[in-house]
Every structure is written in structure tokens, then in C-alpha cells.
Full PDB file with SEQRES, HELIX, SHEET, SSBOND, CRYST1, ORIGX, SCALE, CONECT and MASTER records, all heavy atoms in Angstrom:
SEQRES   1 A   36  SER ASP LEU LYS PRO MET ASN GLU VAL VAL ARG ARG ILE          
SEQRES   2 A   36  ASP GLU CYS ASN THR GLY LYS LYS LEU MET ALA ASP PRO          
SEQRES   3 A   36  VAL ASN TYR SER ILE LYS ASN ALA GLY THR                      
HELIX    1 AA1 MET A    6  ALA A   24  1                                  19    
CRYST1    1.000    1.000    1.000  90.00  90.00  90.00 P 1           1          
ORIGX1      1.000000  0.000000  0.000000        0.00000                         
ORIGX2      0.000000  1.000000  0.000000        0.00000                         
ORIGX3      0.000000  0.000000  1.000000        0.00000                         
SCALE1      1.000000  0.000000  0.000000        0.00000                         
SCALE2      0.000000  1.000000  0.000000        0.00000                         
SCALE3      0.000000  0.000000  1.000000        0.00000                         
ATOM      1  N   SER A   1       0.805  -1.234   0.011  1.00  0.00           N  
ATOM      2  CA  SER A   1      -0.029  -0.007   0.001  1.00  0.00           C  
ATOM      3  C   SER A   1       0.821   1.271  -0.008  1.00  0.00           C  
ATOM      4  O   SER A   1       0.333   2.323  -0.334  1.00  0.00           O  
ATOM      5  CB  SER A   1      -0.931  -0.037   1.224  1.00  0.00           C  
ATOM      6  OG  SER A   1      -0.170  -0.043   2.412  1.00  0.00           O  
ATOM      7  N   ASP A   2       2.093   1.199   0.403  1.00  0.00           N  
ATOM      8  CA  ASP A   2       3.047   2.340   0.422  1.00  0.00           C  
ATOM      9  C   ASP A   2       3.773   2.446  -0.877  1.00  0.00           C  
ATOM     10  O   ASP A   2       4.856   3.104  -0.891  1.00  0.00           O  
ATOM     11  CB  ASP A   2       3.955   2.264   1.648  1.00  0.00           C  
ATOM     12  CG  ASP A   2       4.806   1.005   1.639  1.00  0.00           C  
ATOM     13  OD1 ASP A   2       4.458   0.069   0.910  1.00  0.00           O  
ATOM     14  OD2 ASP A   2       5.856   1.029   2.347  1.00  0.00           O  
ATOM     15  N   LEU A   3       3.310   1.889  -1.967  1.00  0.00           N  
ATOM     16  CA  LEU A   3       3.992   1.990  -3.271  1.00  0.00           C  
ATOM     17  C   LEU A   3       3.277   3.116  -4.015  1.00  0.00           C  
ATOM     18  O   LEU A   3       2.084   2.998  -4.278  1.00  0.00           O  
ATOM     19  CB  LEU A   3       3.952   0.669  -4.048  1.00  0.00           C  
ATOM     20  CG  LEU A   3       4.672   0.654  -5.358  1.00  0.00           C  
ATOM     21  CD1 LEU A   3       5.281  -0.774  -5.608  1.00  0.00           C  
ATOM     22  CD2 LEU A   3       3.752   0.934  -6.519  1.00  0.00           C  
ATOM     23  N   LYS A   4       3.987   4.117  -4.445  1.00  0.00           N  
ATOM     24  CA  LYS A   4       3.427   5.179  -5.225  1.00  0.00           C  
ATOM     25  C   LYS A   4       3.746   4.913  -6.696  1.00  0.00           C  
ATOM     26  O   LYS A   4       4.881   4.621  -7.067  1.00  0.00           O  
ATOM     27  CB  LYS A   4       4.030   6.535  -4.833  1.00  0.00           C  
ATOM     28  CG  LYS A   4       3.768   6.945  -3.422  1.00  0.00           C  
ATOM     29  CD  LYS A   4       2.256   7.175  -3.159  1.00  0.00           C  
ATOM     30  CE  LYS A   4       2.017   7.763  -1.854  1.00  0.00           C  
ATOM     31  NZ  LYS A   4       2.447   6.818  -0.707  1.00  0.00           N  
ATOM     32  N   PRO A   5       2.748   4.979  -7.629  1.00  0.00           N  
ATOM     33  CA  PRO A   5       2.928   4.637  -8.957  1.00  0.00           C  
ATOM     34  C   PRO A   5       3.846   5.616  -9.725  1.00  0.00           C  
ATOM     35  O   PRO A   5       4.081   6.724  -9.387  1.00  0.00           O  
ATOM     36  CB  PRO A   5       1.551   4.640  -9.556  1.00  0.00           C  
ATOM     37  CG  PRO A   5       0.722   5.550  -8.730  1.00  0.00           C  
ATOM     38  CD  PRO A   5       1.344   5.414  -7.341  1.00  0.00           C  
ATOM     39  N   MET A   6       4.449   5.105 -10.821  1.00  0.00           N  
ATOM     40  CA  MET A   6       5.393   5.891 -11.615  1.00  0.00           C  
ATOM     41  C   MET A   6       4.792   7.212 -12.109  1.00  0.00           C  
ATOM     42  O   MET A   6       5.436   8.209 -12.164  1.00  0.00           O  
ATOM     43  CB  MET A   6       5.888   5.026 -12.814  1.00  0.00           C  
ATOM     44  CG  MET A   6       6.951   5.726 -13.639  1.00  0.00           C  
ATOM     45  SD  MET A   6       8.501   6.055 -12.744  1.00  0.00           S  
ATOM     46  CE  MET A   6       9.171   4.366 -12.692  1.00  0.00           C  
ATOM     47  N   ASN A   7       3.521   7.192 -12.599  1.00  0.00           N  
ATOM     48  CA  ASN A   7       2.965   8.375 -13.180  1.00  0.00           C  
ATOM     49  C   ASN A   7       2.797   9.468 -12.142  1.00  0.00           C  
ATOM     50  O   ASN A   7       2.986  10.676 -12.444  1.00  0.00           O  
ATOM     51  CB  ASN A   7       1.631   8.110 -13.857  1.00  0.00           C  
ATOM     52  CG  ASN A   7       0.562   7.599 -12.848  1.00  0.00           C  
ATOM     53  OD1 ASN A   7       0.900   6.993 -11.793  1.00  0.00           O  
ATOM     54  ND2 ASN A   7      -0.696   7.837 -13.108  1.00  0.00           N  
ATOM     55  N   GLU A   8       2.662   9.089 -10.868  1.00  0.00           N  
ATOM     56  CA  GLU A   8       2.580  10.084  -9.821  1.00  0.00           C  
ATOM     57  C   GLU A   8       3.921  10.709  -9.545  1.00  0.00           C  
ATOM     58  O   GLU A   8       4.035  11.943  -9.256  1.00  0.00           O  
ATOM     59  CB  GLU A   8       1.998   9.363  -8.527  1.00  0.00           C  
ATOM     60  CG  GLU A   8       1.592  10.387  -7.451  1.00  0.00           C  
ATOM     61  CD  GLU A   8       0.863   9.728  -6.320  1.00  0.00           C  
ATOM     62  OE1 GLU A   8       0.078   8.793  -6.579  1.00  0.00           O  
ATOM     63  OE2 GLU A   8       1.046  10.099  -5.225  1.00  0.00           O  
ATOM     64  N   VAL A   9       4.978   9.932  -9.635  1.00  0.00           N  
ATOM     65  CA  VAL A   9       6.323  10.418  -9.423  1.00  0.00           C  
ATOM     66  C   VAL A   9       6.716  11.384 -10.496  1.00  0.00           C  
ATOM     67  O   VAL A   9       7.280  12.472 -10.242  1.00  0.00           O  
ATOM     68  CB  VAL A   9       7.316   9.228  -9.295  1.00  0.00           C  
ATOM     69  CG1 VAL A   9       8.708   9.816  -9.037  1.00  0.00           C  
ATOM     70  CG2 VAL A   9       6.889   8.239  -8.281  1.00  0.00           C  
ATOM     71  N   VAL A  10       6.450  11.076 -11.756  1.00  0.00           N  
ATOM     72  CA  VAL A  10       6.682  11.872 -12.852  1.00  0.00           C  
ATOM     73  C   VAL A  10       5.974  13.149 -12.774  1.00  0.00           C  
ATOM     74  O   VAL A  10       6.509  14.296 -13.063  1.00  0.00           O  
ATOM     75  CB  VAL A  10       6.333  11.128 -14.222  1.00  0.00           C  
ATOM     76  CG1 VAL A  10       6.452  12.067 -15.446  1.00  0.00           C  
ATOM     77  CG2 VAL A  10       7.213   9.934 -14.406  1.00  0.00           C  
ATOM     78  N   ARG A  11       4.725  13.091 -12.298  1.00  0.00           N  
ATOM     79  CA  ARG A  11       3.931  14.346 -12.073  1.00  0.00           C  
ATOM     80  C   ARG A  11       4.590  15.202 -11.054  1.00  0.00           C  
ATOM     81  O   ARG A  11       4.648  16.453 -11.251  1.00  0.00           O  
ATOM     82  CB  ARG A  11       2.473  13.869 -11.585  1.00  0.00           C  
ATOM     83  CG  ARG A  11       1.636  15.030 -11.131  1.00  0.00           C  
ATOM     84  CD  ARG A  11       1.080  15.944 -12.186  1.00  0.00           C  
ATOM     85  NE  ARG A  11       0.397  17.057 -11.731  1.00  0.00           N  
ATOM     86  CZ  ARG A  11      -0.035  18.074 -12.450  1.00  0.00           C  
ATOM     87  NH1 ARG A  11       0.199  18.083 -13.743  1.00  0.00           N  
ATOM     88  NH2 ARG A  11      -0.723  19.061 -11.963  1.00  0.00           N  
ATOM     89  N   ARG A  12       5.050  14.639 -10.034  1.00  0.00           N  
ATOM     90  CA  ARG A  12       5.742  15.461  -8.924  1.00  0.00           C  
ATOM     91  C   ARG A  12       7.006  16.140  -9.500  1.00  0.00           C  
ATOM     92  O   ARG A  12       7.275  17.280  -9.167  1.00  0.00           O  
ATOM     93  CB  ARG A  12       6.038  14.546  -7.726  1.00  0.00           C  
ATOM     94  CG  ARG A  12       4.882  14.010  -6.992  1.00  0.00           C  
ATOM     95  CD  ARG A  12       4.037  15.053  -6.326  1.00  0.00           C  
ATOM     96  NE  ARG A  12       3.010  14.510  -5.527  1.00  0.00           N  
ATOM     97  CZ  ARG A  12       2.106  15.297  -4.930  1.00  0.00           C  
ATOM     98  NH1 ARG A  12       2.055  16.601  -5.121  1.00  0.00           N  
ATOM     99  NH2 ARG A  12       1.066  14.769  -4.277  1.00  0.00           N  
ATOM    100  N   ILE A  13       7.759  15.385 -10.236  1.00  0.00           N  
ATOM    101  CA  ILE A  13       8.975  16.004 -10.838  1.00  0.00           C  
ATOM    102  C   ILE A  13       8.587  17.214 -11.741  1.00  0.00           C  
ATOM    103  O   ILE A  13       9.209  18.238 -11.759  1.00  0.00           O  
ATOM    104  CB  ILE A  13       9.815  14.958 -11.609  1.00  0.00           C  
ATOM    105  CG1 ILE A  13      10.314  13.917 -10.588  1.00  0.00           C  
ATOM    106  CG2 ILE A  13      10.900  15.528 -12.385  1.00  0.00           C  
ATOM    107  CD1 ILE A  13      10.989  12.754 -11.203  1.00  0.00           C  
ATOM    108  N   ASP A  14       7.568  16.993 -12.551  1.00  0.00           N  
ATOM    109  CA  ASP A  14       7.081  18.068 -13.408  1.00  0.00           C  
ATOM    110  C   ASP A  14       6.693  19.300 -12.579  1.00  0.00           C  
ATOM    111  O   ASP A  14       6.971  20.435 -12.959  1.00  0.00           O  
ATOM    112  CB  ASP A  14       5.936  17.537 -14.305  1.00  0.00           C  
ATOM    113  CG  ASP A  14       6.359  16.630 -15.372  1.00  0.00           C  
ATOM    114  OD1 ASP A  14       7.563  16.552 -15.598  1.00  0.00           O  
ATOM    115  OD2 ASP A  14       5.496  15.913 -15.876  1.00  0.00           O  
ATOM    116  N   GLU A  15       5.985  19.010 -11.473  1.00  0.00           N  
ATOM    117  CA  GLU A  15       5.533  20.128 -10.583  1.00  0.00           C  
ATOM    118  C   GLU A  15       6.762  20.860 -10.076  1.00  0.00           C  
ATOM    119  O   GLU A  15       6.764  22.157 -10.025  1.00  0.00           O  
ATOM    120  CB  GLU A  15       4.759  19.554  -9.399  1.00  0.00           C  
ATOM    121  CG  GLU A  15       3.329  19.080  -9.826  1.00  0.00           C  
ATOM    122  CD  GLU A  15       2.634  18.408  -8.753  1.00  0.00           C  
ATOM    123  OE1 GLU A  15       3.261  18.091  -7.683  1.00  0.00           O  
ATOM    124  OE2 GLU A  15       1.350  18.121  -8.806  1.00  0.00           O  
ATOM    125  N   CYS A  16       7.791  20.168  -9.638  1.00  0.00           N  
ATOM    126  CA  CYS A  16       8.998  20.859  -9.189  1.00  0.00           C  
ATOM    127  C   CYS A  16       9.657  21.700 -10.254  1.00  0.00           C  
ATOM    128  O   CYS A  16      10.151  22.803  -9.983  1.00  0.00           O  
ATOM    129  CB  CYS A  16       9.910  19.798  -8.652  1.00  0.00           C  
ATOM    130  SG  CYS A  16       9.424  19.017  -7.145  1.00  0.00           S  
ATOM    131  N   ASN A  17       9.758  21.208 -11.464  1.00  0.00           N  
ATOM    132  CA  ASN A  17      10.285  21.960 -12.558  1.00  0.00           C  
ATOM    133  C   ASN A  17       9.451  23.200 -12.842  1.00  0.00           C  
ATOM    134  O   ASN A  17       9.949  24.315 -13.096  1.00  0.00           O  
ATOM    135  CB  ASN A  17      10.418  21.113 -13.852  1.00  0.00           C  
ATOM    136  CG  ASN A  17      11.656  20.141 -13.694  1.00  0.00           C  
ATOM    137  OD1 ASN A  17      12.695  20.525 -13.241  1.00  0.00           O  
ATOM    138  ND2 ASN A  17      11.437  18.890 -14.161  1.00  0.00           N  
ATOM    139  N   THR A  18       8.136  23.032 -12.790  1.00  0.00           N  
ATOM    140  CA  THR A  18       7.243  24.180 -12.976  1.00  0.00           C  
ATOM    141  C   THR A  18       7.441  25.158 -11.808  1.00  0.00           C  
ATOM    142  O   THR A  18       7.535  26.404 -12.070  1.00  0.00           O  
ATOM    143  CB  THR A  18       5.806  23.771 -12.968  1.00  0.00           C  
ATOM    144  OG1 THR A  18       5.561  22.857 -14.060  1.00  0.00           O  
ATOM    145  CG2 THR A  18       4.821  24.966 -13.062  1.00  0.00           C  
ATOM    146  N   GLY A  19       7.561  24.697 -10.584  1.00  0.00           N  
ATOM    147  CA  GLY A  19       7.838  25.592  -9.446  1.00  0.00           C  
ATOM    148  C   GLY A  19       9.089  26.391  -9.616  1.00  0.00           C  
ATOM    149  O   GLY A  19       9.145  27.621  -9.300  1.00  0.00           O  
ATOM    150  N   LYS A  20      10.155  25.780 -10.117  1.00  0.00           N  
ATOM    151  CA  LYS A  20      11.407  26.462 -10.360  1.00  0.00           C  
ATOM    152  C   LYS A  20      11.243  27.647 -11.323  1.00  0.00           C  
ATOM    153  O   LYS A  20      11.747  28.795 -11.077  1.00  0.00           O  
ATOM    154  CB  LYS A  20      12.456  25.565 -10.835  1.00  0.00           C  
ATOM    155  CG  LYS A  20      12.976  24.585  -9.776  1.00  0.00           C  
ATOM    156  CD  LYS A  20      13.849  23.483 -10.290  1.00  0.00           C  
ATOM    157  CE  LYS A  20      15.171  24.051 -10.839  1.00  0.00           C  
ATOM    158  NZ  LYS A  20      16.096  22.993 -11.364  1.00  0.00           N  
ATOM    159  N   LYS A  21      10.507  27.360 -12.392  1.00  0.00           N  
ATOM    160  CA  LYS A  21      10.291  28.372 -13.419  1.00  0.00           C  
ATOM    161  C   LYS A  21       9.468  29.516 -12.950  1.00  0.00           C  
ATOM    162  O   LYS A  21       9.715  30.671 -13.149  1.00  0.00           O  
ATOM    163  CB  LYS A  21       9.629  27.709 -14.662  1.00  0.00           C  
ATOM    164  CG  LYS A  21      10.468  26.742 -15.430  1.00  0.00           C  
ATOM    165  CD  LYS A  21       9.701  26.117 -16.572  1.00  0.00           C  
ATOM    166  CE  LYS A  21      10.559  25.086 -17.279  1.00  0.00           C  
ATOM    167  NZ  LYS A  21       9.783  24.379 -18.363  1.00  0.00           N  
ATOM    168  N   LEU A  22       8.368  29.173 -12.166  1.00  0.00           N  
ATOM    169  CA  LEU A  22       7.497  30.232 -11.676  1.00  0.00           C  
ATOM    170  C   LEU A  22       8.195  31.077 -10.651  1.00  0.00           C  
ATOM    171  O   LEU A  22       7.969  32.293 -10.608  1.00  0.00           O  
ATOM    172  CB  LEU A  22       6.215  29.564 -11.084  1.00  0.00           C  
ATOM    173  CG  LEU A  22       5.318  28.853 -12.034  1.00  0.00           C  
ATOM    174  CD1 LEU A  22       4.098  28.219 -11.293  1.00  0.00           C  
ATOM    175  CD2 LEU A  22       4.803  29.825 -13.180  1.00  0.00           C  
ATOM    176  N   MET A  23       8.967  30.483  -9.822  1.00  0.00           N  
ATOM    177  CA  MET A  23       9.655  31.259  -8.768  1.00  0.00           C  
ATOM    178  C   MET A  23      10.787  32.136  -9.353  1.00  0.00           C  
ATOM    179  O   MET A  23      11.041  33.198  -8.781  1.00  0.00           O  
ATOM    180  CB  MET A  23      10.232  30.378  -7.693  1.00  0.00           C  
ATOM    181  CG  MET A  23       9.245  29.743  -6.771  1.00  0.00           C  
ATOM    182  SD  MET A  23       9.982  28.969  -5.299  1.00  0.00           S  
ATOM    183  CE  MET A  23      10.524  30.437  -4.408  1.00  0.00           C  
ATOM    184  N   ALA A  24      11.351  31.654 -10.458  1.00  0.00           N  
ATOM    185  CA  ALA A  24      12.397  32.515 -11.155  1.00  0.00           C  
ATOM    186  C   ALA A  24      11.768  33.696 -11.806  1.00  0.00           C  
ATOM    187  O   ALA A  24      12.499  34.684 -12.145  1.00  0.00           O  
ATOM    188  CB  ALA A  24      13.103  31.625 -12.160  1.00  0.00           C  
ATOM    189  N   ASP A  25      10.482  33.703 -12.021  1.00  0.00           N  
ATOM    190  CA  ASP A  25       9.820  34.822 -12.732  1.00  0.00           C  
ATOM    191  C   ASP A  25       8.574  35.203 -11.964  1.00  0.00           C  
ATOM    192  O   ASP A  25       7.378  34.977 -12.486  1.00  0.00           O  
ATOM    193  CB  ASP A  25       9.515  34.505 -14.202  1.00  0.00           C  
ATOM    194  CG  ASP A  25       8.959  35.606 -14.967  1.00  0.00           C  
ATOM    195  OD1 ASP A  25       9.225  36.809 -14.645  1.00  0.00           O  
ATOM    196  OD2 ASP A  25       8.287  35.395 -15.983  1.00  0.00           O  
ATOM    197  N   PRO A  26       8.620  35.693 -10.756  1.00  0.00           N  
ATOM    198  CA  PRO A  26       7.461  36.009  -9.876  1.00  0.00           C  
ATOM    199  C   PRO A  26       6.581  37.056 -10.536  1.00  0.00           C  
ATOM    200  O   PRO A  26       7.028  38.005 -11.173  1.00  0.00           O  
ATOM    201  CB  PRO A  26       8.083  36.442  -8.592  1.00  0.00           C  
ATOM    202  CG  PRO A  26       9.426  36.949  -8.897  1.00  0.00           C  
ATOM    203  CD  PRO A  26       9.903  36.100 -10.078  1.00  0.00           C  
ATOM    204  N   VAL A  27       5.259  36.857 -10.329  1.00  0.00           N  
ATOM    205  CA  VAL A  27       4.294  37.852 -10.812  1.00  0.00           C  
ATOM    206  C   VAL A  27       4.136  38.981  -9.799  1.00  0.00           C  
ATOM    207  O   VAL A  27       4.311  38.807  -8.600  1.00  0.00           O  
ATOM    208  CB  VAL A  27       2.910  37.178 -11.034  1.00  0.00           C  
ATOM    209  CG1 VAL A  27       1.919  38.168 -11.545  1.00  0.00           C  
ATOM    210  CG2 VAL A  27       3.062  35.991 -11.936  1.00  0.00           C  
ATOM    211  N   ASN A  28       3.906  40.180 -10.308  1.00  0.00           N  
ATOM    212  CA  ASN A  28       3.850  41.417  -9.509  1.00  0.00           C  
ATOM    213  C   ASN A  28       2.525  41.445  -8.682  1.00  0.00           C  
ATOM    214  O   ASN A  28       1.555  42.087  -9.129  1.00  0.00           O  
ATOM    215  CB  ASN A  28       3.999  42.614 -10.335  1.00  0.00           C  
ATOM    216  CG  ASN A  28       4.219  43.903  -9.472  1.00  0.00           C  
ATOM    217  OD1 ASN A  28       4.508  43.820  -8.288  1.00  0.00           O  
ATOM    218  ND2 ASN A  28       4.042  45.012 -10.112  1.00  0.00           N  
ATOM    219  N   TYR A  29       2.481  40.767  -7.605  1.00  0.00           N  
ATOM    220  CA  TYR A  29       1.336  40.810  -6.702  1.00  0.00           C  
ATOM    221  C   TYR A  29       1.674  41.421  -5.411  1.00  0.00           C  
ATOM    222  O   TYR A  29       2.853  41.389  -4.957  1.00  0.00           O  
ATOM    223  CB  TYR A  29       0.782  39.413  -6.405  1.00  0.00           C  
ATOM    224  CG  TYR A  29       0.266  38.533  -7.496  1.00  0.00           C  
ATOM    225  CD1 TYR A  29       0.931  37.369  -7.878  1.00  0.00           C  
ATOM    226  CD2 TYR A  29      -0.811  38.874  -8.192  1.00  0.00           C  
ATOM    227  CE1 TYR A  29       0.436  36.592  -8.865  1.00  0.00           C  
ATOM    228  CE2 TYR A  29      -1.316  38.111  -9.237  1.00  0.00           C  
ATOM    229  CZ  TYR A  29      -0.654  36.984  -9.580  1.00  0.00           C  
ATOM    230  OH  TYR A  29      -1.150  36.175 -10.592  1.00  0.00           O  
ATOM    231  N   SER A  30       0.729  41.999  -4.719  1.00  0.00           N  
ATOM    232  CA  SER A  30       0.818  42.343  -3.336  1.00  0.00           C  
ATOM    233  C   SER A  30      -0.137  41.458  -2.587  1.00  0.00           C  
ATOM    234  O   SER A  30      -1.380  41.397  -2.886  1.00  0.00           O  
ATOM    235  CB  SER A  30       0.503  43.835  -3.071  1.00  0.00           C  
ATOM    236  OG  SER A  30       0.343  44.075  -1.670  1.00  0.00           O  
ATOM    237  N   ILE A  31       0.337  40.660  -1.565  1.00  0.00           N  
ATOM    238  CA  ILE A  31      -0.520  39.725  -0.857  1.00  0.00           C  
ATOM    239  C   ILE A  31      -0.486  40.101   0.625  1.00  0.00           C  
ATOM    240  O   ILE A  31       0.579  39.949   1.273  1.00  0.00           O  
ATOM    241  CB  ILE A  31       0.059  38.262  -1.066  1.00  0.00           C  
ATOM    242  CG1 ILE A  31       0.067  37.922  -2.564  1.00  0.00           C  
ATOM    243  CG2 ILE A  31      -0.784  37.292  -0.320  1.00  0.00           C  
ATOM    244  CD1 ILE A  31       0.690  36.597  -2.900  1.00  0.00           C  
ATOM    245  N   LYS A  32      -1.595  40.583   1.120  1.00  0.00           N  
ATOM    246  CA  LYS A  32      -1.726  41.102   2.450  1.00  0.00           C  
ATOM    247  C   LYS A  32      -2.763  40.274   3.254  1.00  0.00           C  
ATOM    248  O   LYS A  32      -3.871  39.999   2.762  1.00  0.00           O  
ATOM    249  CB  LYS A  32      -2.111  42.555   2.395  1.00  0.00           C  
ATOM    250  CG  LYS A  32      -0.995  43.550   1.927  1.00  0.00           C  
ATOM    251  CD  LYS A  32      -0.003  43.699   3.081  1.00  0.00           C  
ATOM    252  CE  LYS A  32       0.964  44.831   2.706  1.00  0.00           C  
ATOM    253  NZ  LYS A  32       1.944  45.121   3.837  1.00  0.00           N  
ATOM    254  N   ASN A  33      -2.448  39.995   4.505  1.00  0.00           N  
ATOM    255  CA  ASN A  33      -3.381  39.318   5.384  1.00  0.00           C  
ATOM    256  C   ASN A  33      -4.563  40.260   5.513  1.00  0.00           C  
ATOM    257  O   ASN A  33      -4.398  41.436   5.723  1.00  0.00           O  
ATOM    258  CB  ASN A  33      -2.702  39.044   6.703  1.00  0.00           C  
ATOM    259  CG  ASN A  33      -3.524  38.142   7.552  1.00  0.00           C  
ATOM    260  OD1 ASN A  33      -4.562  38.448   8.097  1.00  0.00           O  
ATOM    261  ND2 ASN A  33      -3.004  36.924   7.821  1.00  0.00           N  
ATOM    262  N   ALA A  34      -5.753  39.685   5.508  1.00  0.00           N  
ATOM    263  CA  ALA A  34      -6.976  40.448   5.616  1.00  0.00           C  
ATOM    264  C   ALA A  34      -7.177  41.026   7.026  1.00  0.00           C  
ATOM    265  O   ALA A  34      -8.034  41.930   7.212  1.00  0.00           O  
ATOM    266  CB  ALA A  34      -8.276  39.657   5.297  1.00  0.00           C  
ATOM    267  N   GLY A  35      -6.389  40.593   7.957  1.00  0.00           N  
ATOM    268  CA  GLY A  35      -6.410  41.257   9.211  1.00  0.00           C  
ATOM    269  C   GLY A  35      -7.244  40.555  10.337  1.00  0.00           C  
ATOM    270  O   GLY A  35      -7.914  39.537  10.052  1.00  0.00           O  
ATOM    271  N   THR A  36      -7.034  41.026  11.554  1.00  0.00           N  
ATOM    272  CA  THR A  36      -7.676  40.452  12.688  1.00  0.00           C  
ATOM    273  C   THR A  36      -9.185  40.560  12.694  1.00  0.00           C  
ATOM    274  O   THR A  36      -9.905  39.854  13.430  1.00  0.00           O  
ATOM    275  CB  THR A  36      -7.156  41.015  14.037  1.00  0.00           C  
ATOM    276  OG1 THR A  36      -7.247  42.445  13.941  1.00  0.00           O  
ATOM    277  CG2 THR A  36      -5.653  40.643  14.139  1.00  0.00           C  
TER     278      THR A  36                                                      
MASTER        0    0    0    1    0    0    0    6  277    1    0    3          
END                                                                             
């Protein structure tokens, strides 16, 4: 039951590569906590 299939691993690697690209080119947002 603790075996993760190959397609799930490939998906995770793709997500990491996407994450690297997105973080290298951040979008101009201002993100503020809505407050107490």
C-alpha cells in the first residue's frame, strides 16, 4: 500500500520543474493578510 505509481512520481517532478520556473519569474502581486 506504500507503493506510489510511476505516473505520480513523474507528475511530482514536473511540478517541481514548474515551481522552479514560476519562482524565477514571480508575478507582481501584493499579498496582504485580511487582518484580525
